[in-house]
Amino acid sequence: HRLPPGGGAFVAALLAGQALGQAVDAAGPELDLPSILSLLIAGRAIVGVTK
């Protein structure tokens, strides 16, 4: 699957250890958060959440 607009920056920020809110900010206003989260969960790229 192709990542939606802002998806690459969002994933890169998460991989760099940034918090979810910071990753959303890094992705910019074009990011569709529900879409990218659904895609990552369905693809098993997100397997857990920590505080």
PDB file of N, CA and C in Angstrom:
ATOM      1  N   HIS A   1       0.832  -1.187   0.000  1.00  0.00           N
ATOM      2  CA  HIS A   1       0.000   0.000   0.000  1.00  0.00           C
ATOM      3  C   HIS A   1       0.873   1.246   0.000  1.00  0.00           C
ATOM      4  N   ARG A   2       0.402   2.260  -0.674  1.00  0.00           N
ATOM      5  CA  ARG A   2       1.078   3.551  -0.638  1.00  0.00           C
ATOM      6  C   ARG A   2       0.612   4.300   0.594  1.00  0.00           C
ATOM      7  N   LEU A   3       1.517   5.048   1.174  1.00  0.00           N
ATOM      8  CA  LEU A   3       1.147   5.868   2.321  1.00  0.00           C
ATOM      9  C   LEU A   3       0.407   7.104   1.836  1.00  0.00           C
ATOM     10  N   PRO A   4      -0.585   7.531   2.594  1.00  0.00           N
ATOM     11  CA  PRO A   4      -1.301   8.751   2.226  1.00  0.00           C
ATOM     12  C   PRO A   4      -0.401   9.967   2.425  1.00  0.00           C
ATOM     13  N   PRO A   5      -0.794  11.124   1.907  1.00  0.00           N
ATOM     14  CA  PRO A   5       0.012  12.334   2.089  1.00  0.00           C
ATOM     15  C   PRO A   5       0.352  12.553   3.568  1.00  0.00           C
ATOM     16  N   GLY A   6       1.607  12.834   3.823  1.00  0.00           N
ATOM     17  CA  GLY A   6       2.079  13.046   5.187  1.00  0.00           C
ATOM     18  C   GLY A   6       2.438  11.758   5.905  1.00  0.00           C
ATOM     19  N   GLY A   7       2.078  10.620   5.314  1.00  0.00           N
ATOM     20  CA  GLY A   7       2.310   9.332   5.958  1.00  0.00           C
ATOM     21  C   GLY A   7       3.776   9.005   6.165  1.00  0.00           C
ATOM     22  N   GLY A   8       4.596   9.343   5.196  1.00  0.00           N
ATOM     23  CA  GLY A   8       6.030   9.073   5.320  1.00  0.00           C
ATOM     24  C   GLY A   8       6.661   9.842   6.462  1.00  0.00           C
ATOM     25  N   ALA A   9       6.321  11.109   6.571  1.00  0.00           N
ATOM     26  CA  ALA A   9       6.853  11.935   7.658  1.00  0.00           C
ATOM     27  C   ALA A   9       6.331  11.442   9.006  1.00  0.00           C
ATOM     28  N   PHE A  10       5.075  11.010   9.041  1.00  0.00           N
ATOM     29  CA  PHE A  10       4.473  10.492  10.265  1.00  0.00           C
ATOM     30  C   PHE A  10       5.209   9.239  10.733  1.00  0.00           C
ATOM     31  N   VAL A  11       5.409   8.292   9.832  1.00  0.00           N
ATOM     32  CA  VAL A  11       6.094   7.047  10.177  1.00  0.00           C
ATOM     33  C   VAL A  11       7.543   7.320  10.563  1.00  0.00           C
ATOM     34  N   ALA A  12       8.211   8.187   9.835  1.00  0.00           N
ATOM     35  CA  ALA A  12       9.600   8.515  10.156  1.00  0.00           C
ATOM     36  C   ALA A  12       9.711   9.113  11.552  1.00  0.00           C
ATOM     37  N   ALA A  13       8.773   9.968  11.912  1.00  0.00           N
ATOM     38  CA  ALA A  13       8.789  10.575  13.245  1.00  0.00           C
ATOM     39  C   ALA A  13       8.574   9.518  14.322  1.00  0.00           C
ATOM     40  N   LEU A  14       7.652   8.590  14.096  1.00  0.00           N
ATOM     41  CA  LEU A  14       7.430   7.517  15.073  1.00  0.00           C
ATOM     42  C   LEU A  14       8.673   6.642  15.208  1.00  0.00           C
ATOM     43  N   LEU A  15       9.296   6.318  14.083  1.00  0.00           N
ATOM     44  CA  LEU A  15      10.505   5.496  14.118  1.00  0.00           C
ATOM     45  C   LEU A  15      11.652   6.199  14.830  1.00  0.00           C
ATOM     46  N   ALA A  16      11.638   7.525  14.812  1.00  0.00           N
ATOM     47  CA  ALA A  16      12.665   8.310  15.500  1.00  0.00           C
ATOM     48  C   ALA A  16      12.376   8.438  16.994  1.00  0.00           C
ATOM     49  N   GLY A  17      11.252   7.851  17.437  1.00  0.00           N
ATOM     50  CA  GLY A  17      10.930   7.864  18.853  1.00  0.00           C
ATOM     51  C   GLY A  17      10.059   9.008  19.313  1.00  0.00           C
ATOM     52  N   GLN A  18       9.522   9.764  18.364  1.00  0.00           N
ATOM     53  CA  GLN A  18       8.661  10.878  18.741  1.00  0.00           C
ATOM     54  C   GLN A  18       7.300  10.368  19.198  1.00  0.00           C
ATOM     55  N   ALA A  19       6.662  11.139  20.052  1.00  0.00           N
ATOM     56  CA  ALA A  19       5.322  10.814  20.526  1.00  0.00           C
ATOM     57  C   ALA A  19       4.326  10.976  19.382  1.00  0.00           C
ATOM     58  N   LEU A  20       3.154  10.385  19.548  1.00  0.00           N
ATOM     59  CA  LEU A  20       2.127  10.427  18.506  1.00  0.00           C
ATOM     60  C   LEU A  20       1.793  11.858  18.092  1.00  0.00           C
ATOM     61  N   GLY A  21       1.592  12.737  19.043  1.00  0.00           N
ATOM     62  CA  GLY A  21       1.262  14.129  18.734  1.00  0.00           C
ATOM     63  C   GLY A  21       2.363  14.824  17.956  1.00  0.00           C
ATOM     64  N   GLN A  22       3.605  14.540  18.312  1.00  0.00           N
ATOM     65  CA  GLN A  22       4.734  15.123  17.590  1.00  0.00           C
ATOM     66  C   GLN A  22       4.794  14.585  16.164  1.00  0.00           C
ATOM     67  N   ALA A  23       4.495  13.306  16.005  1.00  0.00           N
ATOM     68  CA  ALA A  23       4.505  12.708  14.672  1.00  0.00           C
ATOM     69  C   ALA A  23       3.406  13.304  13.802  1.00  0.00           C
ATOM     70  N   VAL A  24       2.244  13.554  14.404  1.00  0.00           N
ATOM     71  CA  VAL A  24       1.151  14.198  13.669  1.00  0.00           C
ATOM     72  C   VAL A  24       1.580  15.592  13.226  1.00  0.00           C
ATOM     73  N   ASP A  25       2.206  16.336  14.117  1.00  0.00           N
ATOM     74  CA  ASP A  25       2.686  17.676  13.770  1.00  0.00           C
ATOM     75  C   ASP A  25       3.719  17.617  12.651  1.00  0.00           C
ATOM     76  N   ALA A  26       4.612  16.640  12.710  1.00  0.00           N
ATOM     77  CA  ALA A  26       5.657  16.506  11.689  1.00  0.00           C
ATOM     78  C   ALA A  26       5.062  16.180  10.321  1.00  0.00           C
ATOM     79  N   ALA A  27       3.940  15.476  10.315  1.00  0.00           N
ATOM     80  CA  ALA A  27       3.322  15.061   9.055  1.00  0.00           C
ATOM     81  C   ALA A  27       2.621  16.206   8.346  1.00  0.00           C
ATOM     82  N   GLY A  28       2.177  17.183   9.099  1.00  0.00           N
ATOM     83  CA  GLY A  28       1.521  18.334   8.487  1.00  0.00           C
ATOM     84  C   GLY A  28       0.018  18.170   8.393  1.00  0.00           C
ATOM     85  N   PRO A  29      -0.642  19.217   7.922  1.00  0.00           N
ATOM     86  CA  PRO A  29      -2.106  19.252   7.920  1.00  0.00           C
ATOM     87  C   PRO A  29      -2.767  18.299   6.925  1.00  0.00           C
ATOM     88  N   GLU A  30      -2.019  17.794   5.961  1.00  0.00           N
ATOM     89  CA  GLU A  30      -2.620  16.899   4.971  1.00  0.00           C
ATOM     90  C   GLU A  30      -2.782  15.472   5.494  1.00  0.00           C
ATOM     91  N   LEU A  31      -2.205  15.165   6.660  1.00  0.00           N
ATOM     92  CA  LEU A  31      -2.279  13.815   7.205  1.00  0.00           C
ATOM     93  C   LEU A  31      -3.707  13.453   7.589  1.00  0.00           C
ATOM     94  N   ASP A  32      -4.145  12.280   7.147  1.00  0.00           N
ATOM     95  CA  ASP A  32      -5.434  11.710   7.554  1.00  0.00           C
ATOM     96  C   ASP A  32      -5.104  10.667   8.625  1.00  0.00           C
ATOM     97  N   LEU A  33      -5.147  11.078   9.891  1.00  0.00           N
ATOM     98  CA  LEU A  33      -4.703  10.219  10.985  1.00  0.00           C
ATOM     99  C   LEU A  33      -5.458   8.890  11.052  1.00  0.00           C
ATOM    100  N   PRO A  34      -6.789   8.879  10.997  1.00  0.00           N
ATOM    101  CA  PRO A  34      -7.473   7.573  11.040  1.00  0.00           C
ATOM    102  C   PRO A  34      -7.038   6.640   9.903  1.00  0.00           C
ATOM    103  N   SER A  35      -6.816   7.196   8.734  1.00  0.00           N
ATOM    104  CA  SER A  35      -6.414   6.392   7.584  1.00  0.00           C
ATOM    105  C   SER A  35      -5.035   5.776   7.789  1.00  0.00           C
ATOM    106  N   ILE A  36      -4.072   6.575   8.207  1.00  0.00           N
ATOM    107  CA  ILE A  36      -2.714   6.051   8.378  1.00  0.00           C
ATOM    108  C   ILE A  36      -2.653   5.064   9.538  1.00  0.00           C
ATOM    109  N   LEU A  37      -3.370   5.343  10.623  1.00  0.00           N
ATOM    110  CA  LEU A  37      -3.368   4.400  11.742  1.00  0.00           C
ATOM    111  C   LEU A  37      -4.006   3.076  11.340  1.00  0.00           C
ATOM    112  N   SER A  38      -5.102   3.123  10.602  1.00  0.00           N
ATOM    113  CA  SER A  38      -5.748   1.895  10.124  1.00  0.00           C
ATOM    114  C   SER A  38      -4.810   1.092   9.235  1.00  0.00           C
ATOM    115  N   LEU A  39      -4.127   1.781   8.352  1.00  0.00           N
ATOM    116  CA  LEU A  39      -3.199   1.123   7.443  1.00  0.00           C
ATOM    117  C   LEU A  39      -2.053   0.468   8.210  1.00  0.00           C
ATOM    118  N   LEU A  40      -1.489   1.179   9.171  1.00  0.00           N
ATOM    119  CA  LEU A  40      -0.363   0.644   9.937  1.00  0.00           C
ATOM    120  C   LEU A  40      -0.787  -0.511  10.837  1.00  0.00           C
ATOM    121  N   ILE A  41      -1.965  -0.420  11.435  1.00  0.00           N
ATOM    122  CA  ILE A  41      -2.449  -1.512  12.287  1.00  0.00           C
ATOM    123  C   ILE A  41      -2.774  -2.740  11.444  1.00  0.00           C
ATOM    124  N   ALA A  42      -3.454  -2.547  10.325  1.00  0.00           N
ATOM    125  CA  ALA A  42      -3.799  -3.668   9.444  1.00  0.00           C
ATOM    126  C   ALA A  42      -2.550  -4.358   8.908  1.00  0.00           C
ATOM    127  N   GLY A  43      -1.508  -3.580   8.650  1.00  0.00           N
ATOM    128  CA  GLY A  43      -0.256  -4.137   8.158  1.00  0.00           C
ATOM    129  C   GLY A  43       0.654  -4.636   9.260  1.00  0.00           C
ATOM    130  N   ARG A  44       0.165  -4.608  10.481  1.00  0.00           N
ATOM    131  CA  ARG A  44       0.899  -5.052  11.668  1.00  0.00           C
ATOM    132  C   ARG A  44       2.195  -4.282  11.888  1.00  0.00           C
ATOM    133  N   ALA A  45       2.212  -3.042  11.428  1.00  0.00           N
ATOM    134  CA  ALA A  45       3.363  -2.179  11.662  1.00  0.00           C
ATOM    135  C   ALA A  45       3.280  -1.549  13.049  1.00  0.00           C
ATOM    136  N   ILE A  46       2.073  -1.471  13.594  1.00  0.00           N
ATOM    137  CA  ILE A  46       1.872  -1.020  14.972  1.00  0.00           C
ATOM    138  C   ILE A  46       1.348  -2.223  15.739  1.00  0.00           C
ATOM    139  N   VAL A  47       2.115  -2.645  16.726  1.00  0.00           N
ATOM    140  CA  VAL A  47       1.728  -3.830  17.485  1.00  0.00           C
ATOM    141  C   VAL A  47       1.488  -3.528  18.958  1.00  0.00           C
ATOM    142  N   GLY A  48       1.739  -2.286  19.352  1.00  0.00           N
ATOM    143  CA  GLY A  48       1.523  -1.912  20.741  1.00  0.00           C
ATOM    144  C   GLY A  48       1.685  -0.422  20.919  1.00  0.00           C
ATOM    145  N   VAL A  49       1.218   0.032  22.062  1.00  0.00           N
ATOM    146  CA  VAL A  49       1.302   1.451  22.396  1.00  0.00           C
ATOM    147  C   VAL A  49       1.849   1.558  23.811  1.00  0.00           C
ATOM    148  N   THR A  50       2.800   2.452  24.003  1.00  0.00           N
ATOM    149  CA  THR A  50       3.343   2.686  25.340  1.00  0.00           C
ATOM    150  C   THR A  50       3.108   4.122  25.733  1.00  0.00           C
ATOM    151  N   LYS A  51       3.116   4.346  27.013  1.00  0.00           N
ATOM    152  CA  LYS A  51       2.894   5.681  27.540  1.00  0.00           C
ATOM    153  C   LYS A  51       4.176   6.448  27.630  1.00  0.00           C
TER     154      LYS A  51
END
